[in-house]
Amino acid sequence: MATEKQFEVLQAFYAAETDRMPAPTYRGLCQKFGWKSSGTARDHIRALVRQGLLERLDSLSTSVWRLTPLGVRAAKRKSTQK
């Protein structure tokens, strides 16, 4: 089960996808959430990948991610609960 912060990261990806914007980068997530280390963003993304909510589009890039169908449902459900 994703943590509250992981859901916030997931929703950042959902918002970008919905607005037809590029997926957030590690640096972009750090700026958004006030993290000092890109490792924090990486760890949250890895957790979302392990849970099947996010997947990498390109194995050569570190910043090209997209929500899986399960991730879209989770992000929608969480955003309607707020």
Protein backbone atom coordinates (compact mmCIF):
# COMPACT_ATOMS: atom_id res chain seq x y z
CA MET A 1 0.00 0.00 0.00
CA ALA A 2 1.35 3.40 -0.98
CA THR A 3 2.11 5.97 1.70
CA GLU A 4 0.44 9.38 1.71
CA LYS A 5 3.57 10.99 0.20
CA GLN A 6 3.73 8.30 -2.49
CA PHE A 7 0.13 9.09 -3.40
CA GLU A 8 1.08 12.75 -3.67
CA VAL A 9 3.90 11.79 -6.05
CA LEU A 10 1.48 9.60 -7.99
CA GLN A 11 -0.94 12.52 -8.26
CA ALA A 12 1.88 14.74 -9.58
CA PHE A 13 2.32 12.23 -12.41
CA TYR A 14 -1.44 12.05 -12.92
CA ALA A 15 -1.74 15.85 -13.10
CA ALA A 16 1.07 16.04 -15.66
CA GLU A 17 -0.51 13.29 -17.73
CA THR A 18 -3.97 14.88 -17.53
CA ASP A 19 -2.55 18.27 -18.56
CA ARG A 20 -0.56 16.60 -21.37
CA MET A 21 2.69 17.77 -19.84
CA PRO A 22 5.94 15.81 -19.57
CA ALA A 23 6.23 13.51 -16.57
CA PRO A 24 7.93 15.07 -13.56
CA THR A 25 11.67 14.56 -13.26
CA TYR A 26 13.54 13.75 -10.06
CA ARG A 27 14.57 17.40 -9.82
CA GLY A 28 11.04 18.58 -10.53
CA LEU A 29 9.67 16.38 -7.76
CA CYS A 30 12.36 17.65 -5.38
CA GLN A 31 11.35 21.24 -6.11
CA LYS A 32 7.65 20.47 -5.75
CA PHE A 33 7.99 18.67 -2.42
CA GLY A 34 10.98 20.57 -0.99
CA TRP A 35 13.31 17.56 -0.94
CA LYS A 36 17.05 18.16 -0.94
CA SER A 37 18.05 14.84 -2.48
CA SER A 38 16.95 13.39 -5.79
CA GLY A 39 17.39 10.02 -4.07
CA THR A 40 14.19 10.73 -2.17
CA ALA A 41 12.28 11.18 -5.42
CA ARG A 42 13.93 8.05 -6.82
CA ASP A 43 12.92 6.03 -3.76
CA HIS A 44 9.28 7.12 -4.00
CA ILE A 45 9.22 6.32 -7.72
CA ARG A 46 10.77 2.91 -7.12
CA ALA A 47 8.13 2.16 -4.51
CA LEU A 48 5.37 3.13 -6.94
CA VAL A 49 6.93 0.92 -9.63
CA ARG A 50 7.11 -2.04 -7.21
CA GLN A 51 3.43 -1.53 -6.43
CA GLY A 52 2.54 -1.56 -10.11
CA LEU A 53 1.29 2.06 -10.11
CA LEU A 54 4.02 3.58 -12.29
CA GLU A 55 6.20 2.25 -15.10
CA ARG A 56 9.19 3.45 -17.08
CA LEU A 57 8.54 4.22 -20.73
CA ASP A 58 12.15 4.12 -21.87
CA SER A 59 14.81 1.98 -20.23
CA LEU A 60 17.54 4.46 -21.24
CA SER A 61 15.95 7.47 -19.57
CA THR A 62 15.55 8.20 -15.87
CA SER A 63 12.78 10.75 -16.25
CA VAL A 64 10.23 9.18 -18.58
CA TRP A 65 7.52 7.56 -16.52
CA ARG A 66 3.83 6.94 -16.92
CA LEU A 67 1.02 5.71 -14.77
CA THR A 68 -0.15 2.16 -15.23
CA PRO A 69 -3.92 1.59 -15.51
CA LEU A 70 -3.85 0.63 -11.81
CA GLY A 71 -1.98 3.87 -11.05
CA VAL A 72 -4.57 5.95 -12.91
CA ARG A 73 -7.38 4.35 -10.93
CA ALA A 74 -5.53 4.89 -7.64
CA ALA A 75 -4.78 8.55 -8.45
CA LYS A 76 -8.39 9.22 -9.48
CA ARG A 77 -9.78 7.51 -6.40
CA LYS A 78 -7.45 9.38 -4.06
CA SER A 79 -8.15 12.77 -5.69
CA THR A 80 -11.93 12.32 -5.29
CA GLN A 81 -11.51 11.53 -1.58
CA LYS A 82 -10.00 14.96 -0.79
